[in-house]
N, C-alpha and C. Protein backbone atom coordinates (compact mmCIF):
# COMPACT_ATOMS: atom_id res chain seq x y z
N MET A 1 0.85 -1.18 0.00
CA MET A 1 0.00 0.00 0.00
C MET A 1 0.89 1.24 0.00
N ASN A 2 0.47 2.24 -0.73
CA ASN A 2 1.23 3.49 -0.84
C ASN A 2 1.16 4.29 0.45
N ARG A 3 2.19 5.09 0.68
CA ARG A 3 2.22 6.02 1.82
C ARG A 3 2.27 7.43 1.24
N TYR A 4 1.63 8.37 1.91
CA TYR A 4 1.53 9.74 1.41
C TYR A 4 2.00 10.71 2.48
N ILE A 5 2.73 11.72 2.07
CA ILE A 5 3.35 12.67 2.99
C ILE A 5 2.45 13.89 3.19
N ASP A 6 2.27 14.28 4.44
CA ASP A 6 1.56 15.50 4.80
C ASP A 6 2.32 16.70 4.23
N ARG A 7 1.68 17.52 3.47
CA ARG A 7 2.33 18.68 2.84
C ARG A 7 2.17 19.96 3.66
N GLY A 8 1.52 19.88 4.80
CA GLY A 8 1.40 21.05 5.67
C GLY A 8 0.54 22.17 5.10
N LEU A 9 -0.40 21.82 4.24
CA LEU A 9 -1.29 22.79 3.60
C LEU A 9 -0.49 23.89 2.88
N GLU A 10 0.59 23.47 2.23
CA GLU A 10 1.48 24.43 1.57
C GLU A 10 0.81 25.19 0.43
N ASP A 11 -0.22 24.61 -0.17
CA ASP A 11 -0.93 25.28 -1.27
C ASP A 11 -2.30 25.75 -0.78
N ASP A 12 -2.29 26.49 0.32
CA ASP A 12 -3.54 26.88 0.96
C ASP A 12 -4.41 27.78 0.08
N LYS A 13 -3.82 28.58 -0.78
CA LYS A 13 -4.63 29.42 -1.67
C LYS A 13 -5.45 28.56 -2.62
N TRP A 14 -4.85 27.52 -3.17
CA TRP A 14 -5.57 26.60 -4.06
C TRP A 14 -6.68 25.87 -3.29
N ILE A 15 -6.35 25.41 -2.10
CA ILE A 15 -7.32 24.70 -1.27
C ILE A 15 -8.51 25.59 -0.96
N LEU A 16 -8.24 26.80 -0.48
CA LEU A 16 -9.33 27.71 -0.11
C LEU A 16 -10.16 28.13 -1.32
N ALA A 17 -9.52 28.33 -2.46
CA ALA A 17 -10.27 28.67 -3.67
C ALA A 17 -11.21 27.54 -4.07
N ASN A 18 -10.74 26.30 -3.95
CA ASN A 18 -11.58 25.16 -4.30
C ASN A 18 -12.69 24.94 -3.29
N ILE A 19 -12.43 25.22 -2.03
CA ILE A 19 -13.48 25.13 -1.01
C ILE A 19 -14.54 26.19 -1.26
N GLN A 20 -14.11 27.40 -1.59
CA GLN A 20 -15.08 28.46 -1.88
C GLN A 20 -15.93 28.09 -3.10
N ASN A 21 -15.29 27.56 -4.13
CA ASN A 21 -16.01 27.13 -5.32
C ASN A 21 -17.01 26.03 -4.99
N GLU A 22 -16.59 25.06 -4.18
CA GLU A 22 -17.49 23.98 -3.78
C GLU A 22 -18.65 24.52 -2.94
N ASN A 23 -18.37 25.48 -2.08
CA ASN A 23 -19.45 26.10 -1.30
C ASN A 23 -20.48 26.72 -2.24
N GLU A 24 -20.02 27.45 -3.24
CA GLU A 24 -20.94 28.05 -4.20
C GLU A 24 -21.74 26.98 -4.93
N ASN A 25 -21.10 25.88 -5.30
CA ASN A 25 -21.81 24.77 -5.96
C ASN A 25 -22.89 24.19 -5.06
N GLN A 26 -22.53 23.99 -3.77
CA GLN A 26 -23.50 23.43 -2.83
C GLN A 26 -24.69 24.35 -2.62
N VAL A 27 -24.42 25.65 -2.49
CA VAL A 27 -25.52 26.61 -2.30
C VAL A 27 -26.39 26.67 -3.54
N GLU A 28 -25.77 26.64 -4.71
CA GLU A 28 -26.55 26.65 -5.95
C GLU A 28 -27.44 25.41 -6.06
N LYS A 29 -26.89 24.26 -5.66
CA LYS A 29 -27.63 23.00 -5.77
C LYS A 29 -28.69 22.84 -4.69
N TRP A 30 -28.35 23.18 -3.44
CA TRP A 30 -29.23 22.88 -2.31
C TRP A 30 -29.83 24.12 -1.64
N GLY A 31 -29.34 25.30 -2.00
CA GLY A 31 -29.76 26.52 -1.31
C GLY A 31 -29.04 26.65 0.01
N ILE A 32 -29.33 27.71 0.74
CA ILE A 32 -28.76 27.90 2.07
C ILE A 32 -29.44 26.90 3.00
N GLN A 33 -28.66 26.10 3.67
CA GLN A 33 -29.20 25.06 4.53
C GLN A 33 -29.40 25.56 5.97
N CYS A 34 -30.49 25.15 6.55
CA CYS A 34 -30.78 25.41 7.96
C CYS A 34 -31.29 24.08 8.52
N VAL A 35 -30.36 23.28 9.05
CA VAL A 35 -30.69 21.93 9.49
C VAL A 35 -30.08 21.68 10.86
N THR A 36 -30.43 20.56 11.46
CA THR A 36 -29.92 20.22 12.78
C THR A 36 -28.45 19.80 12.71
N ALA A 37 -27.81 19.79 13.85
CA ALA A 37 -26.41 19.36 13.94
C ALA A 37 -26.28 17.91 13.45
N PHE A 38 -27.26 17.09 13.77
CA PHE A 38 -27.20 15.69 13.33
C PHE A 38 -27.34 15.56 11.81
N GLU A 39 -28.14 16.44 11.21
CA GLU A 39 -28.22 16.43 9.75
C GLU A 39 -26.89 16.85 9.12
N TRP A 40 -26.25 17.89 9.68
CA TRP A 40 -24.92 18.27 9.20
C TRP A 40 -23.97 17.09 9.32
N LEU A 41 -24.04 16.40 10.45
CA LEU A 41 -23.18 15.23 10.66
C LEU A 41 -23.47 14.15 9.62
N THR A 42 -24.73 13.94 9.31
CA THR A 42 -25.11 12.95 8.30
C THR A 42 -24.53 13.30 6.94
N TYR A 43 -24.66 14.57 6.55
CA TYR A 43 -24.11 14.99 5.26
C TYR A 43 -22.59 14.78 5.23
N THR A 44 -21.95 15.14 6.32
CA THR A 44 -20.49 15.00 6.41
C THR A 44 -20.08 13.53 6.37
N THR A 45 -20.82 12.69 7.05
CA THR A 45 -20.54 11.25 7.05
C THR A 45 -20.71 10.67 5.65
N GLU A 46 -21.72 11.13 4.93
CA GLU A 46 -21.91 10.67 3.56
C GLU A 46 -20.70 11.04 2.70
N GLU A 47 -20.23 12.28 2.85
CA GLU A 47 -19.07 12.71 2.07
C GLU A 47 -17.81 11.94 2.47
N LEU A 48 -17.68 11.62 3.76
CA LEU A 48 -16.54 10.81 4.20
C LEU A 48 -16.59 9.43 3.54
N GLY A 49 -17.77 8.86 3.47
CA GLY A 49 -17.93 7.57 2.80
C GLY A 49 -17.56 7.64 1.33
N GLU A 50 -17.94 8.73 0.67
CA GLU A 50 -17.58 8.90 -0.74
C GLU A 50 -16.08 9.07 -0.91
N LEU A 51 -15.44 9.76 0.03
CA LEU A 51 -13.98 9.89 0.00
C LEU A 51 -13.33 8.53 0.21
N ALA A 52 -13.85 7.75 1.14
CA ALA A 52 -13.33 6.40 1.37
C ALA A 52 -13.45 5.56 0.11
N GLN A 53 -14.58 5.65 -0.56
CA GLN A 53 -14.79 4.90 -1.80
C GLN A 53 -13.78 5.34 -2.87
N ALA A 54 -13.57 6.64 -3.00
CA ALA A 54 -12.63 7.15 -4.00
C ALA A 54 -11.21 6.67 -3.71
N ILE A 55 -10.82 6.64 -2.44
CA ILE A 55 -9.49 6.16 -2.07
C ILE A 55 -9.38 4.67 -2.36
N TYR A 56 -10.40 3.92 -2.02
CA TYR A 56 -10.41 2.48 -2.33
C TYR A 56 -10.24 2.26 -3.83
N GLU A 57 -11.04 2.97 -4.61
CA GLU A 57 -10.97 2.82 -6.07
C GLU A 57 -9.58 3.17 -6.59
N TYR A 58 -8.98 4.20 -6.03
CA TYR A 58 -7.64 4.61 -6.45
C TYR A 58 -6.58 3.55 -6.12
N GLU A 59 -6.67 3.04 -4.92
CA GLU A 59 -5.66 2.08 -4.45
C GLU A 59 -5.80 0.70 -5.08
N TYR A 60 -7.02 0.27 -5.33
CA TYR A 60 -7.24 -1.13 -5.72
C TYR A 60 -7.88 -1.32 -7.10
N ARG A 61 -8.31 -0.26 -7.72
CA ARG A 61 -8.96 -0.38 -9.03
C ARG A 61 -8.38 0.68 -9.95
N ASP A 62 -9.19 1.24 -10.79
CA ASP A 62 -8.72 2.26 -11.73
C ASP A 62 -9.20 3.65 -11.35
N GLY A 63 -9.34 3.90 -10.05
CA GLY A 63 -9.79 5.21 -9.60
C GLY A 63 -8.75 6.28 -9.86
N THR A 64 -9.19 7.54 -9.77
CA THR A 64 -8.30 8.65 -10.08
C THR A 64 -8.01 9.50 -8.85
N ALA A 65 -6.86 10.14 -8.89
CA ALA A 65 -6.51 11.10 -7.85
C ALA A 65 -7.47 12.28 -7.88
N GLU A 66 -7.94 12.63 -9.08
CA GLU A 66 -8.88 13.74 -9.21
C GLU A 66 -10.16 13.49 -8.42
N GLN A 67 -10.65 12.25 -8.41
CA GLN A 67 -11.86 11.94 -7.66
C GLN A 67 -11.60 12.04 -6.16
N ILE A 68 -10.42 11.64 -5.73
CA ILE A 68 -10.07 11.78 -4.30
C ILE A 68 -10.08 13.25 -3.92
N VAL A 69 -9.45 14.09 -4.73
CA VAL A 69 -9.40 15.52 -4.44
C VAL A 69 -10.81 16.10 -4.39
N LYS A 70 -11.64 15.75 -5.37
CA LYS A 70 -13.02 16.24 -5.42
C LYS A 70 -13.77 15.89 -4.14
N GLU A 71 -13.68 14.64 -3.71
CA GLU A 71 -14.40 14.21 -2.51
C GLU A 71 -13.82 14.85 -1.26
N ALA A 72 -12.51 15.00 -1.20
CA ALA A 72 -11.88 15.64 -0.04
C ALA A 72 -12.30 17.10 0.08
N ILE A 73 -12.40 17.80 -1.04
CA ILE A 73 -12.84 19.19 -1.02
C ILE A 73 -14.30 19.28 -0.58
N GLN A 74 -15.15 18.37 -1.04
CA GLN A 74 -16.55 18.38 -0.61
C GLN A 74 -16.65 18.14 0.89
N LEU A 75 -15.89 17.19 1.40
CA LEU A 75 -15.89 16.91 2.84
C LEU A 75 -15.36 18.11 3.63
N ALA A 76 -14.26 18.69 3.17
CA ALA A 76 -13.68 19.84 3.86
C ALA A 76 -14.66 21.01 3.89
N THR A 77 -15.37 21.22 2.81
CA THR A 77 -16.33 22.32 2.74
C THR A 77 -17.41 22.14 3.81
N LEU A 78 -17.95 20.96 3.90
CA LEU A 78 -18.98 20.72 4.92
C LEU A 78 -18.41 20.86 6.33
N ALA A 79 -17.23 20.33 6.56
CA ALA A 79 -16.62 20.43 7.89
C ALA A 79 -16.39 21.89 8.27
N LEU A 80 -15.97 22.71 7.32
CA LEU A 80 -15.76 24.12 7.61
C LEU A 80 -17.07 24.86 7.83
N LYS A 81 -18.13 24.45 7.13
CA LYS A 81 -19.44 25.05 7.39
C LYS A 81 -19.87 24.76 8.83
N ILE A 82 -19.64 23.54 9.30
CA ILE A 82 -19.99 23.19 10.68
C ILE A 82 -19.18 24.02 11.65
N ALA A 83 -17.87 24.17 11.39
CA ALA A 83 -17.02 25.00 12.26
C ALA A 83 -17.54 26.43 12.31
N GLU A 84 -17.92 26.96 11.16
CA GLU A 84 -18.42 28.33 11.11
C GLU A 84 -19.72 28.48 11.89
N ILE A 85 -20.62 27.51 11.75
CA ILE A 85 -21.89 27.55 12.46
C ILE A 85 -21.67 27.59 13.97
N PHE A 86 -20.75 26.76 14.45
CA PHE A 86 -20.57 26.62 15.90
C PHE A 86 -19.54 27.57 16.49
N LYS A 87 -18.80 28.30 15.67
CA LYS A 87 -17.75 29.18 16.21
C LYS A 87 -18.33 30.26 17.10
N MET A 88 -19.56 30.68 16.84
CA MET A 88 -20.19 31.72 17.66
C MET A 88 -20.55 31.22 19.04
N ARG A 89 -20.54 29.93 19.24
CA ARG A 89 -20.87 29.34 20.54
C ARG A 89 -19.62 29.08 21.39
N VAL A 90 -18.48 29.43 20.84
CA VAL A 90 -17.21 29.17 21.52
C VAL A 90 -16.63 30.50 22.02
N SER A 91 -16.15 30.49 23.24
CA SER A 91 -15.45 31.67 23.74
C SER A 91 -13.96 31.36 23.74
N TRP A 92 -13.28 31.98 22.83
CA TRP A 92 -11.84 31.71 22.67
C TRP A 92 -11.08 32.50 23.66
């Protein structure tokens, strides 16, 4: 099995641009969401499963790195939306 090195988010501008783009795609597709914390968790879990599938396909079949990146960006976007929702409840 392959091993992959943590890059320390060295290309953060690319990452953030893709997350912003994915956010716009999600809002266009689903509208602004107002759901429970458990629903957010469900959406995030679904995306994690899709990322797991993409990694499996890449490692053991003819999957692509592009699909892994796509799924990781979708998962990251949802995770950051959850962080943003709950940040107002945190006293730093």
